[in-house]
Each structure stands twice: as C-alpha cells, then as structure tokens.
Amino acid sequence: MPKLPVVSGLEAIKALGRAGFVIRRQSGSHVVMTGPQGQRQLSVPVHGGRDLTPGTLRGIIQDAGLSVEEFRRLLKSRSR
C-alpha cells in the first residue's frame, strides 16, 4: 500500500480540482465538492492550513474514487 502524503485541506482541494471535482459550497470550515458528473459528493475540512490526519485523508481519497497513487500524481502536478 502506497504511503499517504502529508497535505493540508487546501492542497487536497487543489488536487481534487485537477481530478475534475468542483467546489459547490462551503459550510463553516468544510468545503463541499462534487465529482465530474455530479455523482460523488465529498467534504474537505480546511482548518487554518493544518495538515489533514491520515484517516481523514484516506477517507477523502476513497470517497473521491481515487487510489492513493492517483492522488499522489495529482499532487505532483501542482508545481506545473
């Protein structure tokens, strides 16, 4: 199993955006996103730039229908 990256909520939102997810709304410190065809909805916590805990990040990746490796590739494209 690939190792999870250490990312903040904002970094996760940017990576998910590259996968086709769109921000629909924000409720407090949680950003609600929907998938490319609107079939998936997920919530990403954004708490002052703090890193997401491993369990939370793993759940977000699973809810998005991605593998950890796919998510890592989306993060790597952030510098381009």
PDB file of N, CA and C in Angstrom:
ATOM      1  N   MET A   1       0.840  -1.170   0.000  1.00  0.00           N
ATOM      2  CA  MET A   1       0.000   0.000   0.000  1.00  0.00           C
ATOM      3  C   MET A   1       0.891   1.242   0.000  1.00  0.00           C
ATOM      4  N   PRO A   2       0.672   2.181  -0.949  1.00  0.00           N
ATOM      5  CA  PRO A   2       1.492   3.386  -1.002  1.00  0.00           C
ATOM      6  C   PRO A   2       1.285   4.259   0.235  1.00  0.00           C
ATOM      7  N   LYS A   3       2.337   4.953   0.599  1.00  0.00           N
ATOM      8  CA  LYS A   3       2.287   5.818   1.758  1.00  0.00           C
ATOM      9  C   LYS A   3       1.464   7.068   1.439  1.00  0.00           C
ATOM     10  N   LEU A   4       0.659   7.493   2.409  1.00  0.00           N
ATOM     11  CA  LEU A   4      -0.143   8.696   2.232  1.00  0.00           C
ATOM     12  C   LEU A   4       0.741   9.936   2.292  1.00  0.00           C
ATOM     13  N   PRO A   5       0.462  10.926   1.440  1.00  0.00           N
ATOM     14  CA  PRO A   5       1.204  12.177   1.531  1.00  0.00           C
ATOM     15  C   PRO A   5       0.686  13.007   2.711  1.00  0.00           C
ATOM     16  N   VAL A   6       1.449  13.969   3.133  1.00  0.00           N
ATOM     17  CA  VAL A   6       1.018  14.895   4.185  1.00  0.00           C
ATOM     18  C   VAL A   6       0.616  16.183   3.488  1.00  0.00           C
ATOM     19  N   VAL A   7      -0.681  16.507   3.539  1.00  0.00           N
ATOM     20  CA  VAL A   7      -1.198  17.688   2.839  1.00  0.00           C
ATOM     21  C   VAL A   7      -2.204  18.424   3.716  1.00  0.00           C
ATOM     22  N   SER A   8      -2.374  19.694   3.408  1.00  0.00           N
ATOM     23  CA  SER A   8      -3.403  20.483   4.080  1.00  0.00           C
ATOM     24  C   SER A   8      -4.714  20.317   3.313  1.00  0.00           C
ATOM     25  N   GLY A   9      -5.779  20.817   3.882  1.00  0.00           N
ATOM     26  CA  GLY A   9      -7.073  20.755   3.209  1.00  0.00           C
ATOM     27  C   GLY A   9      -7.059  21.508   1.894  1.00  0.00           C
ATOM     28  N   LEU A  10      -6.388  22.662   1.855  1.00  0.00           N
ATOM     29  CA  LEU A  10      -6.334  23.442   0.617  1.00  0.00           C
ATOM     30  C   LEU A  10      -5.577  22.710  -0.481  1.00  0.00           C
ATOM     31  N   GLU A  11      -4.493  22.030  -0.121  1.00  0.00           N
ATOM     32  CA  GLU A  11      -3.742  21.252  -1.114  1.00  0.00           C
ATOM     33  C   GLU A  11      -4.588  20.101  -1.643  1.00  0.00           C
ATOM     34  N   ALA A  12      -5.354  19.472  -0.768  1.00  0.00           N
ATOM     35  CA  ALA A  12      -6.234  18.379  -1.191  1.00  0.00           C
ATOM     36  C   ALA A  12      -7.305  18.899  -2.141  1.00  0.00           C
ATOM     37  N   ILE A  13      -7.855  20.063  -1.857  1.00  0.00           N
ATOM     38  CA  ILE A  13      -8.881  20.653  -2.721  1.00  0.00           C
ATOM     39  C   ILE A  13      -8.310  20.938  -4.110  1.00  0.00           C
ATOM     40  N   LYS A  14      -7.100  21.469  -4.172  1.00  0.00           N
ATOM     41  CA  LYS A  14      -6.467  21.752  -5.465  1.00  0.00           C
ATOM     42  C   LYS A  14      -6.250  20.463  -6.257  1.00  0.00           C
ATOM     43  N   ALA A  15      -5.783  19.412  -5.580  1.00  0.00           N
ATOM     44  CA  ALA A  15      -5.545  18.130  -6.261  1.00  0.00           C
ATOM     45  C   ALA A  15      -6.861  17.541  -6.761  1.00  0.00           C
ATOM     46  N   LEU A  16      -7.895  17.608  -5.937  1.00  0.00           N
ATOM     47  CA  LEU A  16      -9.201  17.090  -6.350  1.00  0.00           C
ATOM     48  C   LEU A  16      -9.761  17.899  -7.518  1.00  0.00           C
ATOM     49  N   GLY A  17      -9.479  19.188  -7.551  1.00  0.00           N
ATOM     50  CA  GLY A  17      -9.889  20.023  -8.674  1.00  0.00           C
ATOM     51  C   GLY A  17      -9.265  19.552  -9.972  1.00  0.00           C
ATOM     52  N   ARG A  18      -8.004  19.095  -9.910  1.00  0.00           N
ATOM     53  CA  ARG A  18      -7.351  18.556 -11.107  1.00  0.00           C
ATOM     54  C   ARG A  18      -7.988  17.253 -11.560  1.00  0.00           C
ATOM     55  N   ALA A  19      -8.666  16.572 -10.629  1.00  0.00           N
ATOM     56  CA  ALA A  19      -9.353  15.318 -10.973  1.00  0.00           C
ATOM     57  C   ALA A  19     -10.769  15.589 -11.474  1.00  0.00           C
ATOM     58  N   GLY A  20     -11.170  16.845 -11.544  1.00  0.00           N
ATOM     59  CA  GLY A  20     -12.485  17.185 -12.074  1.00  0.00           C
ATOM     60  C   GLY A  20     -13.522  17.545 -11.020  1.00  0.00           C
ATOM     61  N   PHE A  21     -13.141  17.546  -9.750  1.00  0.00           N
ATOM     62  CA  PHE A  21     -14.082  17.918  -8.695  1.00  0.00           C
ATOM     63  C   PHE A  21     -14.222  19.436  -8.662  1.00  0.00           C
ATOM     64  N   VAL A  22     -15.436  19.893  -8.337  1.00  0.00           N
ATOM     65  CA  VAL A  22     -15.751  21.310  -8.331  1.00  0.00           C
ATOM     66  C   VAL A  22     -16.264  21.695  -6.951  1.00  0.00           C
ATOM     67  N   ILE A  23     -15.846  22.856  -6.471  1.00  0.00           N
ATOM     68  CA  ILE A  23     -16.352  23.358  -5.194  1.00  0.00           C
ATOM     69  C   ILE A  23     -17.783  23.824  -5.391  1.00  0.00           C
ATOM     70  N   ARG A  24     -18.683  23.294  -4.584  1.00  0.00           N
ATOM     71  CA  ARG A  24     -20.094  23.673  -4.668  1.00  0.00           C
ATOM     72  C   ARG A  24     -20.472  24.688  -3.603  1.00  0.00           C
ATOM     73  N   ARG A  25     -19.949  24.488  -2.395  1.00  0.00           N
ATOM     74  CA  ARG A  25     -20.270  25.419  -1.317  1.00  0.00           C
ATOM     75  C   ARG A  25     -19.297  25.196  -0.176  1.00  0.00           C
ATOM     76  N   GLN A  26     -19.371  26.101   0.791  1.00  0.00           N
ATOM     77  CA  GLN A  26     -18.574  25.945   2.000  1.00  0.00           C
ATOM     78  C   GLN A  26     -19.500  26.119   3.185  1.00  0.00           C
ATOM     79  N   SER A  27     -19.382  25.210   4.135  1.00  0.00           N
ATOM     80  CA  SER A  27     -20.171  25.266   5.357  1.00  0.00           C
ATOM     81  C   SER A  27     -19.191  25.312   6.528  1.00  0.00           C
ATOM     82  N   GLY A  28     -18.996  26.495   7.073  1.00  0.00           N
ATOM     83  CA  GLY A  28     -18.014  26.643   8.139  1.00  0.00           C
ATOM     84  C   GLY A  28     -16.626  26.388   7.609  1.00  0.00           C
ATOM     85  N   SER A  29     -15.921  25.456   8.224  1.00  0.00           N
ATOM     86  CA  SER A  29     -14.551  25.158   7.803  1.00  0.00           C
ATOM     87  C   SER A  29     -14.473  23.945   6.878  1.00  0.00           C
ATOM     88  N   HIS A  30     -15.610  23.536   6.293  1.00  0.00           N
ATOM     89  CA  HIS A  30     -15.624  22.389   5.393  1.00  0.00           C
ATOM     90  C   HIS A  30     -16.078  22.821   4.006  1.00  0.00           C
ATOM     91  N   VAL A  31     -15.311  22.410   3.006  1.00  0.00           N
ATOM     92  CA  VAL A  31     -15.633  22.705   1.615  1.00  0.00           C
ATOM     93  C   VAL A  31     -16.296  21.465   1.020  1.00  0.00           C
ATOM     94  N   VAL A  32     -17.456  21.663   0.415  1.00  0.00           N
ATOM     95  CA  VAL A  32     -18.190  20.556  -0.202  1.00  0.00           C
ATOM     96  C   VAL A  32     -17.917  20.589  -1.697  1.00  0.00           C
ATOM     97  N   MET A  33     -17.464  19.454  -2.224  1.00  0.00           N
ATOM     98  CA  MET A  33     -17.132  19.335  -3.638  1.00  0.00           C
ATOM     99  C   MET A  33     -17.955  18.229  -4.272  1.00  0.00           C
ATOM    100  N   THR A  34     -18.225  18.370  -5.577  1.00  0.00           N
ATOM    101  CA  THR A  34     -18.908  17.306  -6.311  1.00  0.00           C
ATOM    102  C   THR A  34     -18.011  16.841  -7.450  1.00  0.00           C
ATOM    103  N   GLY A  35     -18.205  15.586  -7.841  1.00  0.00           N
ATOM    104  CA  GLY A  35     -17.380  14.969  -8.867  1.00  0.00           C
ATOM    105  C   GLY A  35     -17.697  15.462 -10.257  1.00  0.00           C
ATOM    106  N   PRO A  36     -16.943  14.988 -11.236  1.00  0.00           N
ATOM    107  CA  PRO A  36     -17.079  15.456 -12.616  1.00  0.00           C
ATOM    108  C   PRO A  36     -18.489  15.350 -13.185  1.00  0.00           C
ATOM    109  N   GLN A  37     -19.184  14.256 -12.921  1.00  0.00           N
ATOM    110  CA  GLN A  37     -20.544  14.108 -13.417  1.00  0.00           C
ATOM    111  C   GLN A  37     -21.575  14.373 -12.321  1.00  0.00           C
ATOM    112  N   GLY A  38     -21.133  14.904 -11.203  1.00  0.00           N
ATOM    113  CA  GLY A  38     -22.036  15.210 -10.105  1.00  0.00           C
ATOM    114  C   GLY A  38     -22.473  13.996  -9.310  1.00  0.00           C
ATOM    115  N   GLN A  39     -21.879  12.827  -9.581  1.00  0.00           N
ATOM    116  CA  GLN A  39     -22.292  11.594  -8.924  1.00  0.00           C
ATOM    117  C   GLN A  39     -21.688  11.429  -7.541  1.00  0.00           C
ATOM    118  N   ARG A  40     -20.572  12.094  -7.260  1.00  0.00           N
ATOM    119  CA  ARG A  40     -19.916  11.967  -5.959  1.00  0.00           C
ATOM    120  C   ARG A  40     -19.898  13.319  -5.267  1.00  0.00           C
ATOM    121  N   GLN A  41     -20.095  13.275  -3.959  1.00  0.00           N
ATOM    122  CA  GLN A  41     -20.001  14.489  -3.166  1.00  0.00           C
ATOM    123  C   GLN A  41     -19.123  14.191  -1.967  1.00  0.00           C
ATOM    124  N   LEU A  42     -18.217  15.106  -1.676  1.00  0.00           N
ATOM    125  CA  LEU A  42     -17.350  14.905  -0.524  1.00  0.00           C
ATOM    126  C   LEU A  42     -17.088  16.224   0.165  1.00  0.00           C
ATOM    127  N   SER A  43     -16.684  16.122   1.416  1.00  0.00           N
ATOM    128  CA  SER A  43     -16.419  17.285   2.251  1.00  0.00           C
ATOM    129  C   SER A  43     -14.954  17.262   2.670  1.00  0.00           C
ATOM    130  N   VAL A  44     -14.284  18.398   2.491  1.00  0.00           N
ATOM    131  CA  VAL A  44     -12.867  18.513   2.837  1.00  0.00           C
ATOM    132  C   VAL A  44     -12.718  19.576   3.927  1.00  0.00           C
ATOM    133  N   PRO A  45     -12.194  19.208   5.101  1.00  0.00           N
ATOM    134  CA  PRO A  45     -12.001  20.206   6.153  1.00  0.00           C
ATOM    135  C   PRO A  45     -10.809  21.111   5.851  1.00  0.00           C
ATOM    136  N   VAL A  46     -10.972  22.394   6.118  1.00  0.00           N
ATOM    137  CA  VAL A  46      -9.909  23.372   5.929  1.00  0.00           C
ATOM    138  C   VAL A  46      -9.784  24.120   7.249  1.00  0.00           C
ATOM    139  N   HIS A  47      -8.806  23.736   8.035  1.00  0.00           N
ATOM    140  CA  HIS A  47      -8.631  24.299   9.368  1.00  0.00           C
ATOM    141  C   HIS A  47      -7.320  25.060   9.460  1.00  0.00           C
ATOM    142  N   GLY A  48      -7.315  26.284   8.984  1.00  0.00           N
ATOM    143  CA  GLY A  48      -6.162  27.159   9.139  1.00  0.00           C
ATOM    144  C   GLY A  48      -4.855  26.633   8.590  1.00  0.00           C
ATOM    145  N   GLY A  49      -4.883  25.899   7.511  1.00  0.00           N
ATOM    146  CA  GLY A  49      -3.650  25.394   6.920  1.00  0.00           C
ATOM    147  C   GLY A  49      -3.066  24.176   7.604  1.00  0.00           C
ATOM    148  N   ARG A  50      -3.754  23.650   8.623  1.00  0.00           N
ATOM    149  CA  ARG A  50      -3.250  22.445   9.292  1.00  0.00           C
ATOM    150  C   ARG A  50      -3.349  21.248   8.344  1.00  0.00           C
ATOM    151  N   ASP A  51      -2.416  20.310   8.528  1.00  0.00           N
ATOM    152  CA  ASP A  51      -2.428  19.094   7.708  1.00  0.00           C
ATOM    153  C   ASP A  51      -3.589  18.198   8.090  1.00  0.00           C
ATOM    154  N   LEU A  52      -4.113  17.485   7.091  1.00  0.00           N
ATOM    155  CA  LEU A  52      -5.182  16.523   7.333  1.00  0.00           C
ATOM    156  C   LEU A  52      -4.607  15.307   8.036  1.00  0.00           C
ATOM    157  N   THR A  53      -5.375  14.715   8.928  1.00  0.00           N
ATOM    158  CA  THR A  53      -4.921  13.489   9.573  1.00  0.00           C
ATOM    159  C   THR A  53      -4.965  12.355   8.550  1.00  0.00           C
ATOM    160  N   PRO A  54      -4.142  11.327   8.730  1.00  0.00           N
ATOM    161  CA  PRO A  54      -4.105  10.233   7.748  1.00  0.00           C
ATOM    162  C   PRO A  54      -5.464   9.573   7.514  1.00  0.00           C
ATOM    163  N   GLY A  55      -6.230   9.363   8.567  1.00  0.00           N
ATOM    164  CA  GLY A  55      -7.536   8.718   8.402  1.00  0.00           C
ATOM    165  C   GLY A  55      -8.505   9.575   7.607  1.00  0.00           C
ATOM    166  N   THR A  56      -8.482  10.872   7.861  1.00  0.00           N
ATOM    167  CA  THR A  56      -9.352  11.792   7.126  1.00  0.00           C
ATOM    168  C   THR A  56      -8.961  11.831   5.658  1.00  0.00           C
ATOM    169  N   LEU A  57      -7.675  11.944   5.386  1.00  0.00           N
ATOM    170  CA  LEU A  57      -7.209  11.992   4.001  1.00  0.00           C
ATOM    171  C   LEU A  57      -7.542  10.693   3.274  1.00  0.00           C
ATOM    172  N   ARG A  58      -7.326   9.558   3.926  1.00  0.00           N
ATOM    173  CA  ARG A  58      -7.644   8.273   3.291  1.00  0.00           C
ATOM    174  C   ARG A  58      -9.134   8.197   2.945  1.00  0.00           C
ATOM    175  N   GLY A  59      -9.995   8.678   3.847  1.00  0.00           N
ATOM    176  CA  GLY A  59     -11.432   8.677   3.591  1.00  0.00           C
ATOM    177  C   GLY A  59     -11.809   9.573   2.427  1.00  0.00           C
ATOM    178  N   ILE A  60     -11.180  10.741   2.339  1.00  0.00           N
ATOM    179  CA  ILE A  60     -11.459  11.657   1.229  1.00  0.00           C
ATOM    180  C   ILE A  60     -11.050  11.017  -0.096  1.00  0.00           C
ATOM    181  N   ILE A  61      -9.884  10.387  -0.114  1.00  0.00           N
ATOM    182  CA  ILE A  61      -9.401   9.736  -1.337  1.00  0.00           C
ATOM    183  C   ILE A  61     -10.350   8.612  -1.752  1.00  0.00           C
ATOM    184  N   GLN A  62     -10.791   7.807  -0.800  1.00  0.00           N
ATOM    185  CA  GLN A  62     -11.730   6.721  -1.106  1.00  0.00           C
ATOM    186  C   GLN A  62     -13.058   7.271  -1.593  1.00  0.00           C
ATOM    187  N   ASP A  63     -13.579   8.303  -0.929  1.00  0.00           N
ATOM    188  CA  ASP A  63     -14.852   8.897  -1.335  1.00  0.00           C
ATOM    189  C   ASP A  63     -14.771   9.477  -2.746  1.00  0.00           C
ATOM    190  N   ALA A  64     -13.591   9.955  -3.118  1.00  0.00           N
ATOM    191  CA  ALA A  64     -13.397  10.519  -4.453  1.00  0.00           C
ATOM    192  C   ALA A  64     -13.264   9.431  -5.515  1.00  0.00           C
ATOM    193  N   GLY A  65     -13.111   8.183  -5.094  1.00  0.00           N
ATOM    194  CA  GLY A  65     -12.955   7.081  -6.054  1.00  0.00           C
ATOM    195  C   GLY A  65     -11.565   7.015  -6.645  1.00  0.00           C
ATOM    196  N   LEU A  66     -10.580   7.536  -5.919  1.00  0.00           N
ATOM    197  CA  LEU A  66      -9.202   7.529  -6.391  1.00  0.00           C
ATOM    198  C   LEU A  66      -8.370   6.547  -5.577  1.00  0.00           C
ATOM    199  N   SER A  67      -7.247   6.161  -6.132  1.00  0.00           N
ATOM    200  CA  SER A  67      -6.272   5.397  -5.357  1.00  0.00           C
ATOM    201  C   SER A  67      -5.288   6.389  -4.755  1.00  0.00           C
ATOM    202  N   VAL A  68      -4.529   5.947  -3.771  1.00  0.00           N
ATOM    203  CA  VAL A  68      -3.525   6.816  -3.159  1.00  0.00           C
ATOM    204  C   VAL A  68      -2.504   7.241  -4.211  1.00  0.00           C
ATOM    205  N   GLU A  69      -2.118   6.333  -5.079  1.00  0.00           N
ATOM    206  CA  GLU A  69      -1.143   6.650  -6.116  1.00  0.00           C
ATOM    207  C   GLU A  69      -1.694   7.701  -7.086  1.00  0.00           C
ATOM    208  N   GLU A  70      -2.955   7.583  -7.473  1.00  0.00           N
ATOM    209  CA  GLU A  70      -3.565   8.589  -8.353  1.00  0.00           C
ATOM    210  C   GLU A  70      -3.577   9.959  -7.673  1.00  0.00           C
ATOM    211  N   PHE A  71      -3.899   9.973  -6.386  1.00  0.00           N
ATOM    212  CA  PHE A  71      -3.933  11.227  -5.638  1.00  0.00           C
ATOM    213  C   PHE A  71      -2.529  11.839  -5.559  1.00  0.00           C
ATOM    214  N   ARG A  72      -1.515  11.001  -5.345  1.00  0.00           N
ATOM    215  CA  ARG A  72      -0.134  11.497  -5.284  1.00  0.00           C
ATOM    216  C   ARG A  72       0.269  12.119  -6.628  1.00  0.00           C
ATOM    217  N   ARG A  73      -0.157  11.512  -7.732  1.00  0.00           N
ATOM    218  CA  ARG A  73       0.147  12.069  -9.053  1.00  0.00           C
ATOM    219  C   ARG A  73      -0.517  13.431  -9.242  1.00  0.00           C
ATOM    220  N   LEU A  74      -1.748  13.566  -8.752  1.00  0.00           N
ATOM    221  CA  LEU A  74      -2.447  14.851  -8.848  1.00  0.00           C
ATOM    222  C   LEU A  74      -1.724  15.919  -8.019  1.00  0.00           C
ATOM    223  N   LEU A  75      -1.159  15.520  -6.884  1.00  0.00           N
ATOM    224  CA  LEU A  75      -0.404  16.467  -6.062  1.00  0.00           C
ATOM    225  C   LEU A  75       0.888  16.891  -6.754  1.00  0.00           C
ATOM    226  N   LYS A  76       1.551  15.938  -7.405  1.00  0.00           N
ATOM    227  CA  LYS A  76       2.824  16.242  -8.068  1.00  0.00           C
ATOM    228  C   LYS A  76       2.638  17.246  -9.195  1.00  0.00           C
ATOM    229  N   SER A  77       1.480  17.251  -9.815  1.00  0.00           N
ATOM    230  CA  SER A  77       1.242  18.181 -10.927  1.00  0.00           C
ATOM    231  C   SER A  77       0.975  19.593 -10.421  1.00  0.00           C
ATOM    232  N   ARG A  78       1.008  19.808  -9.093  1.00  0.00           N
ATOM    233  CA  ARG A  78       0.715  21.123  -8.531  1.00  0.00           C
ATOM    234  C   ARG A  78       1.778  22.151  -8.877  1.00  0.00           C
ATOM    235  N   SER A  79       3.004  21.711  -9.144  1.00  0.00           N
ATOM    236  CA  SER A  79       4.069  22.669  -9.438  1.00  0.00           C
ATOM    237  C   SER A  79       4.096  23.070 -10.898  1.00  0.00           C
ATOM    238  N   ARG A  80       3.269  22.473 -11.712  1.00  0.00           N
ATOM    239  CA  ARG A  80       3.269  22.771 -13.154  1.00  0.00           C
ATOM    240  C   ARG A  80       2.245  23.798 -13.505  1.00  0.00           C
TER     241      ARG A  80
END
